[in-house]
Protein backbone atom coordinates (compact mmCIF):
# COMPACT_ATOMS: atom_id res chain seq x y z
CA MET A 1 8.76 -9.94 53.77
CA LYS A 2 8.12 -6.25 53.22
CA SER A 3 11.80 -5.43 53.65
CA PHE A 4 12.67 -7.51 50.59
CA ARG A 5 10.31 -5.69 48.22
CA PRO A 6 12.53 -2.65 47.56
CA LEU A 7 15.49 -4.95 46.95
CA ALA A 8 13.47 -7.13 44.55
CA ALA A 9 12.24 -4.07 42.68
CA ALA A 10 15.78 -2.74 42.39
CA LEU A 11 17.07 -6.07 41.09
CA LEU A 12 14.25 -6.24 38.53
CA ALA A 13 15.00 -2.71 37.34
CA ALA A 14 18.69 -3.51 37.05
CA ALA A 15 17.96 -6.66 35.07
CA THR A 16 15.68 -4.72 32.72
CA LEU A 17 18.34 -2.09 32.13
CA ALA A 18 20.96 -4.76 31.54
CA ALA A 19 18.75 -6.49 28.98
CA ALA A 20 18.07 -3.21 27.21
CA GLY A 21 21.71 -2.21 27.25
CA PRO A 22 22.90 -4.01 24.08
CA ALA A 23 19.91 -2.76 22.06
CA ARG A 24 20.46 0.80 23.25
CA ALA A 25 24.18 0.64 22.48
CA GLN A 26 23.42 -0.77 19.04
CA ALA A 27 20.91 2.01 18.38
CA ASP A 28 23.30 4.72 19.58
CA SER A 29 25.93 3.69 17.03
CA TRP A 30 23.41 3.17 14.21
CA PRO A 31 23.92 3.58 11.31
CA SER A 32 27.61 2.79 11.05
CA LYS A 33 27.40 1.16 7.61
CA PRO A 34 25.15 1.26 4.50
CA ILE A 35 21.47 0.35 4.86
CA THR A 36 19.76 -1.93 2.34
CA LEU A 37 16.23 -0.97 1.29
CA ILE A 38 14.46 -3.86 -0.44
CA VAL A 39 11.68 -3.12 -2.93
CA PRO A 40 9.58 -6.22 -3.74
CA TYR A 41 8.85 -5.06 -7.30
CA ALA A 42 10.75 -4.47 -10.52
CA PRO A 43 12.54 -1.15 -11.03
CA GLY A 44 11.07 1.68 -13.05
CA GLY A 45 7.50 1.93 -11.77
CA PHE A 46 5.97 4.88 -9.95
CA ALA A 47 6.38 3.19 -6.56
CA ASP A 48 10.03 2.39 -7.27
CA THR A 49 10.70 5.97 -8.36
CA ARG A 50 9.28 7.30 -5.10
CA VAL A 51 11.28 4.82 -3.03
CA ARG A 52 14.49 5.97 -4.70
CA LEU A 53 13.67 9.56 -3.82
CA LEU A 54 12.99 8.45 -0.24
CA ALA A 55 16.28 6.57 -0.16
CA ARG A 56 18.20 9.61 -1.36
CA LYS A 57 16.58 11.83 1.26
CA LEU A 58 17.16 9.26 4.01
CA GLY A 59 20.80 8.88 3.04
CA GLU A 60 21.31 12.64 3.14
CA SER A 61 19.71 12.88 6.57
CA LEU A 62 21.55 9.92 8.11
CA GLN A 63 24.78 10.68 6.25
CA GLN A 64 24.95 7.05 5.23
CA SER A 65 24.48 5.17 1.95
CA ILE A 66 21.05 3.64 1.29
CA VAL A 67 21.27 0.78 -1.20
CA VAL A 68 17.98 0.11 -3.02
CA GLU A 69 17.59 -3.51 -4.13
CA ASN A 70 14.66 -4.60 -6.31
CA LYS A 71 13.66 -8.18 -5.51
CA ALA A 72 10.58 -8.81 -7.63
CA GLY A 73 8.51 -11.96 -7.93
CA ALA A 74 5.46 -13.83 -6.64
CA GLY A 75 3.35 -10.73 -6.12
CA GLY A 76 5.89 -9.12 -3.82
CA VAL A 77 6.38 -12.24 -1.69
CA ILE A 78 10.05 -12.80 -2.58
CA GLY A 79 11.25 -9.34 -1.61
CA THR A 80 9.05 -9.09 1.46
CA ASN A 81 10.26 -12.48 2.69
CA LEU A 82 13.86 -11.31 2.35
CA VAL A 83 13.08 -8.42 4.69
CA ALA A 84 11.27 -10.70 7.14
CA LYS A 85 14.22 -13.12 7.25
CA ALA A 86 16.95 -10.46 7.46
CA ALA A 87 18.94 -9.76 10.61
CA PRO A 88 16.95 -7.37 12.85
CA ASP A 89 19.79 -4.91 13.21
CA GLY A 90 18.45 -1.89 11.34
CA TYR A 91 20.59 -2.46 8.27
CA THR A 92 17.86 -4.10 6.19
CA ILE A 93 14.47 -2.46 5.71
CA GLY A 94 11.92 -2.72 2.93
CA THR A 95 8.78 -1.31 1.46
CA GLY A 96 5.62 -2.88 2.83
CA ASN A 97 2.98 -2.78 0.11
CA LEU A 98 -0.72 -3.63 -0.15
CA ALA A 99 -0.38 -7.02 -1.86
CA PRO A 100 2.42 -8.70 0.12
CA MET A 101 1.33 -7.20 3.44
CA ALA A 102 -2.49 -7.28 3.37
CA VAL A 103 -3.74 -9.32 0.40
CA ASN A 104 -1.39 -12.27 -0.05
CA PRO A 105 -1.89 -13.58 3.51
CA THR A 106 -5.44 -14.51 2.44
CA LEU A 107 -4.94 -15.05 -1.29
CA MET A 108 -1.72 -17.07 -0.87
CA PRO A 109 -1.97 -18.89 2.48
CA ALA A 110 1.37 -20.68 1.96
CA ILE A 111 3.51 -17.53 1.91
CA PRO A 112 6.71 -18.06 3.95
CA TYR A 113 6.21 -15.16 6.38
CA ASP A 114 3.57 -13.79 8.72
CA ALA A 115 3.14 -10.15 7.74
CA GLN A 116 1.98 -9.12 11.20
CA LYS A 117 4.48 -11.17 13.24
CA ASP A 118 7.65 -11.33 11.16
CA LEU A 119 7.73 -7.67 10.13
CA ALA A 120 7.85 -4.51 12.22
CA PRO A 121 5.89 -1.54 10.84
CA VAL A 122 7.88 1.69 10.61
CA VAL A 123 5.69 4.22 8.80
CA LEU A 124 3.06 4.58 6.08
CA ILE A 125 4.57 6.44 3.12
CA GLU A 126 1.60 7.01 0.84
CA ASN A 127 -1.90 6.03 -0.17
CA SER A 128 -2.63 5.98 -3.90
CA PRO A 129 -6.37 6.20 -4.66
CA LEU A 130 -7.83 4.66 -7.78
CA VAL A 131 -10.13 6.21 -10.36
CA LEU A 132 -13.14 4.34 -11.75
CA SER A 133 -13.29 5.24 -15.43
CA VAL A 134 -15.56 4.00 -18.22
CA HIS A 135 -15.28 3.96 -21.99
CA ASN A 136 -16.48 7.19 -23.56
CA THR A 137 -19.32 5.55 -25.48
CA LEU A 138 -20.96 4.11 -22.37
CA PRO A 139 -24.26 5.98 -21.78
CA VAL A 140 -23.60 6.90 -18.13
CA LYS A 141 -22.73 10.17 -16.43
CA ASN A 142 -22.21 9.07 -12.83
CA LEU A 143 -21.89 6.08 -10.53
CA GLN A 144 -25.62 5.64 -10.05
CA ASP A 145 -26.11 5.54 -13.83
CA LEU A 146 -23.42 2.86 -14.05
CA ILE A 147 -25.00 0.78 -11.29
CA ALA A 148 -28.42 1.09 -12.94
CA LEU A 149 -27.00 -0.04 -16.29
CA ALA A 150 -25.25 -3.00 -14.66
CA ARG A 151 -28.54 -4.06 -13.08
CA GLN A 152 -30.34 -3.76 -16.40
CA GLU A 153 -27.70 -5.89 -18.12
CA PRO A 154 -26.41 -8.38 -15.53
CA GLY A 155 -23.24 -10.18 -16.55
CA LYS A 156 -22.63 -7.99 -19.61
CA LEU A 157 -20.49 -5.16 -18.25
CA THR A 158 -16.80 -5.90 -17.74
CA PHE A 159 -14.01 -4.45 -15.61
CA GLY A 160 -10.34 -4.84 -16.39
CA SER A 161 -7.42 -5.19 -14.01
CA SER A 162 -3.68 -5.76 -13.91
CA GLY A 163 -4.28 -9.29 -12.66
CA VAL A 164 -5.92 -11.28 -9.88
CA GLY A 165 -5.50 -9.84 -6.39
CA GLY A 166 -4.22 -6.39 -7.30
CA ALA A 167 -5.76 -3.10 -6.21
CA HIS A 168 -7.52 -2.74 -9.60
CA HIS A 169 -9.13 -6.16 -9.23
CA LEU A 170 -10.08 -6.01 -5.57
CA SER A 171 -11.58 -2.52 -5.96
CA GLY A 172 -13.81 -3.92 -8.70
CA GLU A 173 -14.79 -6.87 -6.53
CA MET A 174 -15.66 -4.56 -3.65
CA PHE A 175 -17.72 -2.41 -6.04
CA ARG A 176 -19.57 -5.49 -7.29
CA GLU A 177 -20.30 -6.63 -3.75
CA GLN A 178 -21.34 -3.27 -2.28
CA ALA A 179 -23.45 -2.25 -5.28
CA GLY A 180 -25.04 -5.67 -5.61
CA ILE A 181 -24.32 -5.95 -9.33
CA ASP A 182 -23.09 -8.67 -11.69
CA ILE A 183 -20.04 -7.45 -13.62
CA VAL A 184 -17.34 -9.63 -15.17
CA HIS A 185 -13.66 -9.41 -14.26
CA VAL A 186 -11.18 -9.43 -17.15
CA PRO A 187 -7.60 -9.83 -15.85
CA TYR A 188 -4.66 -8.63 -17.93
CA LYS A 189 -0.92 -9.09 -17.60
CA GLY A 190 -0.42 -5.51 -16.50
CA GLY A 191 -2.47 -2.40 -15.89
CA SER A 192 -1.33 -0.64 -19.07
CA LEU A 193 -2.79 -3.41 -21.24
CA ALA A 194 -6.13 -3.12 -19.47
CA ALA A 195 -6.08 0.67 -19.80
CA THR A 196 -5.40 0.38 -23.54
CA ASP A 197 -8.38 -1.93 -23.97
CA LEU A 198 -10.56 0.45 -21.94
CA MET A 199 -9.70 3.29 -24.32
CA GLY A 200 -10.40 0.95 -27.25
CA GLY A 201 -13.81 -0.03 -25.90
CA HIS A 202 -12.94 -3.69 -25.37
CA ILE A 203 -13.86 -3.51 -21.67
CA THR A 204 -16.51 -1.38 -19.99
CA MET A 205 -14.69 0.03 -16.99
CA MET A 206 -11.55 -0.07 -14.90
CA PHE A 207 -10.36 0.97 -11.48
CA GLU A 208 -7.02 2.48 -12.44
CA MET A 209 -4.30 4.02 -10.32
CA GLY A 210 -4.74 7.79 -10.27
CA TYR A 211 -1.25 8.47 -11.61
CA SER A 212 -1.83 6.10 -14.54
CA ALA A 213 -5.35 7.32 -15.27
CA LEU A 214 -4.58 11.05 -15.43
CA PRO A 215 -3.21 11.18 -19.02
CA SER A 216 -6.17 9.34 -20.57
CA ILE A 217 -8.63 11.39 -18.51
CA GLN A 218 -6.99 14.68 -19.42
CA SER A 219 -6.98 13.72 -23.10
CA LYS A 220 -10.67 12.74 -22.76
CA LYS A 221 -10.06 9.18 -23.95
CA VAL A 222 -12.02 7.82 -20.97
CA HIS A 223 -14.69 9.23 -18.67
CA PRO A 224 -13.92 9.31 -14.91
CA ILE A 225 -16.88 8.31 -12.76
CA ALA A 226 -15.52 8.36 -9.20
CA VAL A 227 -12.39 8.11 -7.06
CA THR A 228 -11.84 5.57 -4.28
CA SER A 229 -10.52 7.94 -1.60
CA LEU A 230 -12.82 9.45 1.02
CA LYS A 231 -11.89 12.95 -0.17
CA ARG A 232 -11.79 14.25 -3.72
CA LEU A 233 -8.38 14.44 -5.34
CA ASP A 234 -6.76 17.82 -5.89
CA VAL A 235 -5.75 16.70 -9.38
CA LEU A 236 -9.37 15.70 -10.20
CA PRO A 237 -11.49 18.11 -8.14
CA ASP A 238 -14.65 17.63 -10.22
CA VAL A 239 -14.69 13.85 -9.87
CA PRO A 240 -16.74 12.72 -6.84
CA THR A 241 -15.78 9.94 -4.45
CA MET A 242 -17.40 6.52 -4.51
CA ALA A 243 -18.70 7.24 -1.01
CA GLU A 244 -20.44 10.49 -1.91
CA SER A 245 -21.82 8.86 -5.07
CA GLY A 246 -23.92 6.37 -3.15
CA LEU A 247 -21.59 3.75 -1.65
CA PRO A 248 -20.91 5.02 1.90
CA GLY A 249 -17.58 3.94 3.34
CA PHE A 250 -16.16 2.77 0.02
CA GLU A 251 -12.42 3.30 0.30
CA SER A 252 -9.61 1.64 -1.63
CA TYR A 253 -5.93 2.43 -2.11
CA ASN A 254 -2.75 0.95 -3.37
CA TRP A 255 -0.37 1.87 -0.58
CA GLN A 256 3.19 1.46 0.53
CA GLY A 257 5.09 1.97 3.72
CA ILE A 258 8.37 1.00 5.33
CA VAL A 259 8.85 -2.19 7.36
CA ALA A 260 11.78 -3.83 9.13
CA PRO A 261 12.44 -7.35 10.38
CA ALA A 262 10.61 -8.12 13.61
CA GLY A 263 12.95 -7.69 16.55
CA THR A 264 14.67 -4.60 15.18
CA PRO A 265 15.56 -2.50 18.26
CA ALA A 266 12.79 -0.07 19.18
CA PRO A 267 15.16 2.94 19.24
CA ILE A 268 16.13 2.23 15.62
CA ILE A 269 12.47 1.88 14.60
CA ALA A 270 11.76 5.18 16.34
CA ARG A 271 14.68 6.88 14.59
CA LEU A 272 13.61 5.58 11.19
CA ASN A 273 10.04 6.67 11.85
CA ALA A 274 11.17 10.18 12.77
CA GLU A 275 13.40 10.42 9.70
CA PHE A 276 10.67 9.29 7.30
CA ASN A 277 8.09 11.60 8.86
CA LYS A 278 10.53 14.46 8.32
CA ILE A 279 11.13 13.40 4.70
CA LEU A 280 7.38 13.28 4.02
CA LYS A 281 7.26 17.00 4.81
CA ASP A 282 10.14 17.82 2.47
CA PRO A 283 8.82 20.05 -0.39
CA GLU A 284 10.31 17.81 -3.09
CA MET A 285 8.66 14.74 -1.57
CA VAL A 286 5.35 16.51 -1.02
CA LYS A 287 5.27 17.55 -4.68
CA ALA A 288 6.29 14.11 -5.96
CA ILE A 289 3.40 12.49 -4.09
CA ALA A 290 0.77 15.17 -4.79
CA ASP A 291 1.55 15.49 -8.50
CA ILE A 292 0.33 11.96 -9.17
CA GLY A 293 -2.80 12.19 -7.05
CA SER A 294 -1.45 10.21 -4.11
CA GLN A 295 -1.77 11.13 -0.44
CA ALA A 296 1.22 11.38 1.91
CA GLY A 297 1.26 9.03 4.88
CA GLY A 298 3.21 9.54 8.07
CA GLY A 299 2.31 8.81 11.66
CA THR A 300 3.61 6.32 14.19
CA PRO A 301 4.67 2.68 13.77
CA GLU A 302 1.65 1.70 15.87
CA GLU A 303 -0.69 3.55 13.53
CA PHE A 304 0.83 1.87 10.49
CA GLY A 305 0.53 -1.51 12.21
CA ALA A 306 -3.16 -0.88 12.92
CA PHE A 307 -3.67 0.19 9.30
CA ILE A 308 -2.07 -3.03 8.00
CA LYS A 309 -4.32 -5.08 10.28
CA SER A 310 -7.48 -3.27 9.16
CA GLU A 311 -6.50 -3.58 5.48
CA THR A 312 -5.83 -7.30 5.91
CA GLU A 313 -9.25 -7.82 7.47
CA LYS A 314 -11.03 -5.71 4.84
CA TRP A 315 -9.53 -7.47 1.85
CA ALA A 316 -9.90 -10.91 3.43
CA LYS A 317 -13.67 -10.31 3.49
CA VAL A 318 -13.68 -9.22 -0.16
CA ILE A 319 -11.55 -12.18 -1.26
CA LYS A 320 -13.72 -14.68 0.60
CA ALA A 321 -17.01 -13.10 -0.50
CA GLY A 322 -15.90 -13.19 -4.14
CA ASN A 323 -14.41 -16.68 -3.83
CA ILE A 324 -11.23 -15.28 -5.37
CA SER A 325 -8.24 -17.52 -5.96
CA LEU A 326 -5.12 -17.55 -8.11
CA GLN A 327 -6.21 -20.76 -9.83
């Protein structure tokens, strides 16, 4: 019996190499044609602008055309599903964002894809912290003042958002839960409408994306209370974090990364990961991300996959605790 073991091992190794052969050959010739990069949101936003810069840099590096296609709808589900259902050949990739990757699986159980099985993580591109701001007339100076006021007037303070299930909304729900306060959610059809009402005093507070909040903060139309990252933002160095203001571990971002259809050859995933990590160190990209208060990502596909899993679990708890639904 022993004499057959080396032969069996050799046959197994040969079979493994044979199975890997087509994938390796495919990866070696990749990319031989244009790559489609699907963005699950409408064109023109900050995220879309950054993706187009990424696409340009990737195209220059690979010496191949990168075609950006915006496929908006259903909170990012339509575009993300197109990526999940695409051929896993490295010629279709997409942005994997907070809502379609980590929120919708709980908020919208009937979505047509499994974010952790049907999509292969490539790399985290950026984390965008939020800023908790209040109307200027509110008699509070810091987070503890705001919490104390909310406890004195339960059910009277309001927080605006861009709609149910977005980063603005879920950050407010997490704040309500961790601080043990009763504040009322006021959803709008877009973050800019909520921000306008905050400046007008029609709502009490708002967790707003850093890049959107900066102009109103700099013009002193609203008062920033705290940021949702674990470290202070370079663009708002005097504004403390939620964690250092009395809510340890409070961390919330709107984020985006790159994903591919599950089954995309590992060598292609590795090549894409290396290219995007290189792009994230490009001075133009570094400046584009830092100027709006966001934080560059990077790292391995495995790290991005673990991040998606942890984000899914975190927001599932918040959604269930707040009994949040789209109805």
